[in-house]
Amino acid sequence: MTGEERTTDYRASLAEGKPGAALRIVRLEAGLPLSKIAEQTLIPEWKLQDLEDDTYDRIGAKTFLNGYVRKYASLLKLDASEFVGALPEQMRSNVAPAQSFTETAANATAPKPRAKKSGTKRRLPVIPVVVFLIAAWAIAVYFIEDVGPGDNEAGTVEAASNIGELPNDEKGAPPIDSADTEDRGDFDGDTSVQEIPVLLDLPEADLAPVVATQEPALEAESQVTPDSTDATPSQDRLNFTFNDDCWLQVTDATGKVVFAQLQTKGDNLQLFGESPFSVMLGNARAVAIELNGAPVDINPVSNRKTLRFTVSS
């Protein structure tokens, strides 16, 4: 059979709508075994056999069928479009000639990647939840360390509002007028609005007692009233000068709370009572103290504002 006759034979097969038979004719003419075509095109040999028999049921979707025909024809250096055009109309697809069709293309359409992506989306909210929990924990730790048992100390504010203050001594320190006392009383009654510095219970090691070992304190001979003008000889005098806002609580030797109130910058306070005094400061660095005219050393604990100590004459 001459080359012209073989060309006529495969074109006749194309005209009959049998591109597979036409490819077989050209392959046999080139002396290539079907296994060689399968090796070079990466198409299973049984699919090539079905293709040459023009049996397309087992090959798969028309996209793959068109791709196999193009690849087979291109390997034989034939016009792939001519062979694809010979396929039955319902088996044709608009696939670009340069597109590669192999068995691995089937895996690209599998739903597994979508399932994995969906799982990733479900895991995304975990990150902000973890960040939120860490932030909440840090805030809680901060407030627990900073606030401590200060809420218990706030209850003394109401009791302290009924305690009278004694007038200043002969050195001429300005007295606390009734208007100022009323204003501070209003402050004590509205603890929900005005923020009161928190007082911390310090361990025994943190306390800085300031005790001047002199002669024992004398017992009070008479009850001091707010209307008295001078302190009795048996009482001790405490002077406080404030250069910044500070919470102050003073308890005398009998356990009576002599004073418990917030003082502001520029205030001067004078108290009388029986020593030793238990003093609690909310801002220890903002106060200067004198006992019976003698200055009292204040040694605040490093990195803390609050200080609780004892002053005795």
Protein backbone atom coordinates (compact mmCIF):
# COMPACT_ATOMS: atom_id res chain seq x y z
CA MET A 1 0.00 0.00 0.00
CA THR A 2 1.44 3.32 -1.06
CA GLY A 3 1.62 6.39 1.18
CA GLU A 4 -1.08 8.05 -0.86
CA GLU A 5 -3.39 5.05 -0.36
CA ARG A 6 -2.76 5.03 3.42
CA THR A 7 -3.46 8.75 3.61
CA THR A 8 -6.69 8.14 1.76
CA ASP A 9 -7.55 5.33 4.19
CA TYR A 10 -7.15 7.41 7.38
CA ARG A 11 -8.97 10.38 5.83
CA ALA A 12 -11.80 8.06 4.88
CA SER A 13 -12.00 6.99 8.53
CA LEU A 14 -12.10 10.64 9.56
CA ALA A 15 -14.90 11.25 7.10
CA GLU A 16 -16.83 8.36 8.67
CA GLY A 17 -16.43 9.97 12.13
CA LYS A 18 -13.86 7.44 13.35
CA PRO A 19 -10.81 9.43 14.48
CA GLY A 20 -9.56 6.48 16.55
CA ALA A 21 -9.40 4.19 13.54
CA ALA A 22 -7.62 6.94 11.59
CA LEU A 23 -5.01 7.25 14.37
CA ARG A 24 -4.45 3.47 14.31
CA ILE A 25 -3.80 3.56 10.56
CA VAL A 26 -1.18 6.30 10.97
CA ARG A 27 0.43 4.54 13.98
CA LEU A 28 0.76 1.24 12.12
CA GLU A 29 2.19 3.09 9.14
CA ALA A 30 4.82 4.62 11.46
CA GLY A 31 5.57 1.18 12.91
CA LEU A 32 4.90 2.23 16.51
CA PRO A 33 3.45 -0.25 19.02
CA LEU A 34 0.53 0.88 21.15
CA SER A 35 2.65 0.50 24.30
CA LYS A 36 5.10 3.09 22.93
CA ILE A 37 2.25 5.57 22.41
CA ALA A 38 1.03 4.92 25.98
CA GLU A 39 4.52 5.52 27.38
CA GLN A 40 5.01 8.84 25.59
CA THR A 41 1.50 10.23 26.10
CA LEU A 42 1.06 8.91 29.67
CA ILE A 43 -2.35 7.59 28.60
CA PRO A 44 -3.24 4.08 29.81
CA GLU A 45 -2.89 1.51 27.04
CA TRP A 46 -6.41 0.20 27.49
CA LYS A 47 -7.79 3.70 26.96
CA LEU A 48 -5.75 4.05 23.77
CA GLN A 49 -7.17 0.72 22.62
CA ASP A 50 -10.74 1.92 23.25
CA LEU A 51 -9.90 5.17 21.47
CA GLU A 52 -8.64 3.35 18.36
CA ASP A 53 -11.80 1.22 18.44
CA ASP A 54 -13.84 4.47 18.66
CA THR A 55 -15.43 3.18 21.86
CA TYR A 56 -15.64 6.12 24.24
CA ASP A 57 -17.80 4.79 27.10
CA ARG A 58 -14.92 3.88 29.43
CA ILE A 59 -12.57 6.72 28.55
CA GLY A 60 -14.33 9.30 30.68
CA ALA A 61 -15.66 12.81 30.22
CA LYS A 62 -15.50 14.43 26.81
CA THR A 63 -12.84 16.85 28.09
CA PHE A 64 -10.44 13.94 28.61
CA LEU A 65 -11.46 12.29 25.35
CA ASN A 66 -10.66 15.46 23.40
CA GLY A 67 -7.36 15.79 25.23
CA TYR A 68 -6.36 12.19 24.48
CA VAL A 69 -7.15 12.62 20.79
CA ARG A 70 -5.13 15.85 20.58
CA LYS A 71 -2.15 14.32 22.38
CA TYR A 72 -2.21 11.14 20.26
CA ALA A 73 -2.48 13.10 17.01
CA SER A 74 0.25 15.58 18.04
CA LEU A 75 2.62 12.69 18.82
CA LEU A 76 2.09 11.38 15.28
CA LYS A 77 2.64 14.94 13.95
CA LEU A 78 -0.89 15.23 12.61
CA ASP A 79 -3.36 18.10 12.70
CA ALA A 80 -5.03 17.53 16.09
CA SER A 81 -7.96 19.81 15.29
CA GLU A 82 -8.83 17.67 12.28
CA PHE A 83 -9.12 14.55 14.43
CA VAL A 84 -11.04 16.29 17.23
CA GLY A 85 -13.45 17.62 14.62
CA ALA A 86 -14.13 14.04 13.51
CA LEU A 87 -15.43 13.08 16.96
CA PRO A 88 -19.20 12.83 17.41
CA GLU A 89 -20.64 16.26 18.06
CA GLN A 90 -21.77 15.39 21.59
CA MET A 91 -18.21 14.34 22.47
CA ARG A 92 -16.49 17.56 21.41
CA SER A 93 -15.39 20.31 23.82
CA ASN A 94 -13.93 23.77 23.46
CA VAL A 95 -10.54 22.94 24.95
CA ALA A 96 -7.46 24.86 23.84
CA PRO A 97 -5.07 22.70 21.80
CA ALA A 98 -2.10 23.47 24.04
CA GLN A 99 -3.84 22.24 27.19
CA SER A 100 -2.45 19.06 28.76
CA PHE A 101 -4.82 16.25 29.72
CA THR A 102 -3.54 13.41 31.92
CA GLU A 103 -4.91 11.14 34.56
CA THR A 104 -3.67 13.51 37.25
CA ALA A 105 -6.19 16.12 36.07
CA ALA A 106 -8.95 14.07 37.65
CA ASN A 107 -7.43 14.60 41.08
CA ALA A 108 -7.62 18.39 40.63
CA THR A 109 -11.43 18.22 40.65
CA ALA A 110 -11.65 16.10 43.80
CA PRO A 111 -13.52 17.73 46.70
CA LYS A 112 -10.74 17.04 49.22
CA PRO A 113 -9.01 20.44 48.89
CA ARG A 114 -12.33 22.18 49.46
CA ALA A 115 -12.91 20.18 52.62
CA LYS A 116 -9.45 21.14 53.88
CA LYS A 117 -10.09 24.79 53.09
CA SER A 118 -13.39 24.63 54.93
CA GLY A 119 -11.61 23.21 57.96
CA THR A 120 -9.13 26.06 57.85
CA LYS A 121 -11.96 28.59 57.89
CA ARG A 122 -13.43 26.92 60.94
CA ARG A 123 -10.10 27.16 62.74
CA LEU A 124 -9.55 30.85 61.99
CA PRO A 125 -11.69 32.18 64.93
CA VAL A 126 -9.46 30.29 67.38
CA ILE A 127 -6.71 32.93 67.08
CA PRO A 128 -8.78 35.96 68.22
CA VAL A 129 -10.35 33.84 70.98
CA VAL A 130 -6.91 32.91 72.35
CA VAL A 131 -5.76 36.55 72.16
CA PHE A 132 -8.91 37.68 74.00
CA LEU A 133 -8.44 35.11 76.77
CA ILE A 134 -4.79 36.10 77.27
CA ALA A 135 -5.73 39.80 77.45
CA ALA A 136 -8.52 39.09 79.95
CA TRP A 137 -6.16 37.04 82.11
CA ALA A 138 -3.52 39.81 82.08
CA ILE A 139 -6.10 42.47 83.06
CA ALA A 140 -7.42 40.28 85.88
CA VAL A 141 -3.91 39.67 87.26
CA TYR A 142 -3.13 43.39 87.07
CA PHE A 143 -6.22 44.42 89.04
CA ILE A 144 -5.80 41.64 91.61
CA GLU A 145 -2.21 42.72 92.32
CA ASP A 146 -2.98 46.45 92.27
CA VAL A 147 -6.28 46.45 94.19
CA GLY A 148 -5.63 43.76 96.79
CA PRO A 149 -7.70 44.06 99.96
CA GLY A 150 -8.30 47.79 99.51
CA ASP A 151 -12.07 47.27 99.39
CA ASN A 152 -12.03 46.34 103.09
CA GLU A 153 -10.29 49.59 103.96
CA ALA A 154 -12.86 51.70 102.06
CA GLY A 155 -15.44 50.86 104.73
CA THR A 156 -13.63 53.06 107.22
CA VAL A 157 -14.43 56.19 105.20
CA GLU A 158 -18.03 56.38 106.39
CA ALA A 159 -17.07 55.93 110.05
CA ALA A 160 -14.39 58.58 109.79
CA SER A 161 -16.86 61.21 108.61
CA ASN A 162 -18.21 61.58 112.18
CA ILE A 163 -14.79 62.23 113.79
CA GLY A 164 -14.11 65.84 114.75
CA GLU A 165 -10.81 67.59 114.15
CA LEU A 166 -9.06 69.68 116.73
CA PRO A 167 -8.04 73.29 116.01
CA ASN A 168 -4.43 74.09 115.17
CA ASP A 169 -1.86 74.78 117.91
CA GLU A 170 -0.13 78.01 118.91
CA LYS A 171 2.22 77.93 115.92
CA GLY A 172 -0.53 79.36 113.74
CA ALA A 173 -1.19 76.49 111.30
CA PRO A 174 -4.41 77.27 109.40
CA PRO A 175 -7.45 75.50 110.92
CA ILE A 176 -9.74 73.31 108.89
CA ASP A 177 -12.94 75.28 108.47
CA SER A 178 -16.41 73.76 108.54
CA ALA A 179 -16.97 74.34 104.81
CA ASP A 180 -13.89 72.27 103.95
CA THR A 181 -15.08 69.54 106.33
CA GLU A 182 -18.51 69.50 104.68
CA ASP A 183 -16.95 69.27 101.22
CA ARG A 184 -14.86 66.32 102.23
CA GLY A 185 -17.85 64.74 103.87
CA ASP A 186 -19.63 64.95 100.54
CA PHE A 187 -16.67 63.22 98.94
CA ASP A 188 -16.90 60.38 101.46
CA GLY A 189 -20.55 59.87 100.71
CA ASP A 190 -20.00 59.49 96.96
CA THR A 191 -17.35 56.81 96.77
CA SER A 192 -18.87 55.48 93.57
CA VAL A 193 -17.84 58.61 91.67
CA GLN A 194 -14.54 59.77 93.19
CA GLU A 195 -11.76 57.23 92.94
CA ILE A 196 -10.05 56.60 96.30
CA PRO A 197 -6.44 55.42 96.25
CA VAL A 198 -6.25 51.75 97.08
CA LEU A 199 -4.64 50.76 100.36
CA LEU A 200 -2.73 47.49 100.39
CA ASP A 201 -2.14 45.29 103.40
CA LEU A 202 1.61 45.01 103.46
CA PRO A 203 3.43 42.00 104.94
CA GLU A 204 5.25 42.44 108.22
CA ALA A 205 8.58 42.71 106.40
CA ASP A 206 7.34 45.73 104.42
CA LEU A 207 6.21 47.74 107.45
CA ALA A 208 8.48 50.59 108.39
CA PRO A 209 7.75 51.44 112.02
CA VAL A 210 9.07 54.78 113.11
CA VAL A 211 9.37 54.66 116.87
CA ALA A 212 11.31 57.10 119.01
CA THR A 213 12.04 55.25 122.25
CA GLN A 214 11.52 57.98 124.78
CA GLU A 215 9.52 58.10 127.99
CA PRO A 216 6.15 56.21 127.98
CA ALA A 217 3.05 57.96 126.71
CA LEU A 218 0.81 59.62 129.25
CA GLU A 219 -2.81 58.61 129.49
CA ALA A 220 -5.40 61.17 128.42
CA GLU A 221 -6.76 63.11 131.39
CA SER A 222 -9.83 64.46 129.67
CA GLN A 223 -11.92 63.85 126.55
CA VAL A 224 -11.05 66.30 123.75
CA THR A 225 -14.03 67.83 121.99
CA PRO A 226 -14.09 69.57 118.59
CA ASP A 227 -14.80 72.89 120.34
CA SER A 228 -11.59 72.90 122.45
CA THR A 229 -8.94 75.40 121.50
CA ASP A 230 -5.78 73.74 122.91
CA ALA A 231 -4.68 70.12 123.30
CA THR A 232 -4.39 68.76 126.84
CA PRO A 233 -0.85 68.16 128.08
CA SER A 234 -1.32 64.37 128.02
CA GLN A 235 -1.99 64.24 124.27
CA ASP A 236 0.44 64.06 121.39
CA ARG A 237 0.19 66.22 118.28
CA LEU A 238 0.62 65.00 114.69
CA ASN A 239 1.14 67.49 111.86
CA PHE A 240 0.71 66.44 108.20
CA THR A 241 1.70 68.49 105.15
CA PHE A 242 0.61 67.21 101.72
CA ASN A 243 2.36 68.02 98.43
CA ASP A 244 0.06 65.71 96.43
CA ASP A 245 -3.25 63.87 96.81
CA CYS A 246 -3.02 61.16 99.47
CA TRP A 247 -5.35 58.93 101.45
CA LEU A 248 -4.71 59.13 105.22
CA GLN A 249 -5.92 56.99 108.10
CA VAL A 250 -4.73 57.49 111.69
CA THR A 251 -5.59 55.24 114.66
CA ASP A 252 -4.52 56.14 118.21
CA ALA A 253 -3.31 53.87 121.02
CA THR A 254 -6.87 53.01 122.09
CA GLY A 255 -7.71 51.65 118.64
CA LYS A 256 -9.93 54.62 117.80
CA VAL A 257 -9.79 55.88 114.22
CA VAL A 258 -8.83 59.52 114.69
CA PHE A 259 -8.91 60.41 110.99
CA ALA A 260 -9.66 58.64 107.70
CA GLN A 261 -10.04 60.79 104.60
CA LEU A 262 -8.51 61.79 101.28
CA GLN A 263 -6.27 64.86 101.48
CA THR A 264 -5.39 66.98 98.46
CA LYS A 265 -2.26 68.83 97.42
CA GLY A 266 -1.51 71.83 99.67
CA ASP A 267 -3.54 70.58 102.68
CA ASN A 268 -2.14 70.90 106.22
CA LEU A 269 -3.64 68.71 108.94
CA GLN A 270 -3.14 68.65 112.71
CA LEU A 271 -4.41 65.78 114.88
CA PHE A 272 -4.31 65.14 118.64
CA GLY A 273 -4.48 61.83 120.44
CA GLU A 274 -2.67 59.25 122.50
CA SER A 275 0.42 57.67 120.94
CA PRO A 276 1.52 55.34 119.58
CA PHE A 277 -0.35 56.16 116.37
CA SER A 278 -0.93 53.67 113.56
CA VAL A 279 -0.64 55.62 110.30
CA MET A 280 -1.69 54.40 106.85
CA LEU A 281 -0.73 56.44 103.76
CA GLY A 282 -2.01 55.89 100.23
CA ASN A 283 0.81 57.99 98.69
CA ALA A 284 3.67 57.98 101.18
CA ARG A 285 5.98 60.17 99.09
CA ALA A 286 3.44 63.02 99.11
CA VAL A 287 3.41 63.58 102.92
CA ALA A 288 5.65 65.24 105.50
CA ILE A 289 4.91 64.31 109.15
CA GLU A 290 5.85 65.89 112.50
CA LEU A 291 5.18 64.42 115.97
CA ASN A 292 5.10 67.03 118.71
CA GLY A 293 7.10 69.34 116.43
CA ALA A 294 9.80 66.78 115.59
CA PRO A 295 9.97 65.52 111.98
CA VAL A 296 9.22 61.83 111.39
CA ASP A 297 11.23 59.90 108.82
CA ILE A 298 9.11 58.13 106.20
CA ASN A 299 10.69 55.25 104.31
CA PRO A 300 8.34 54.12 101.52
CA VAL A 301 8.86 50.61 100.19
CA SER A 302 10.40 50.58 96.72
CA ASN A 303 7.86 50.50 93.87
CA ARG A 304 4.93 51.00 96.25
CA LYS A 305 2.99 54.11 97.16
CA THR A 306 1.15 52.75 100.18
CA LEU A 307 2.80 52.56 103.59
CA ARG A 308 1.62 51.51 107.04
CA PHE A 309 3.77 52.29 110.08
CA THR A 310 3.65 53.24 113.77
CA VAL A 311 4.62 56.61 115.28
CA SER A 312 5.22 56.96 119.01
CA SER A 313 6.61 59.67 121.23
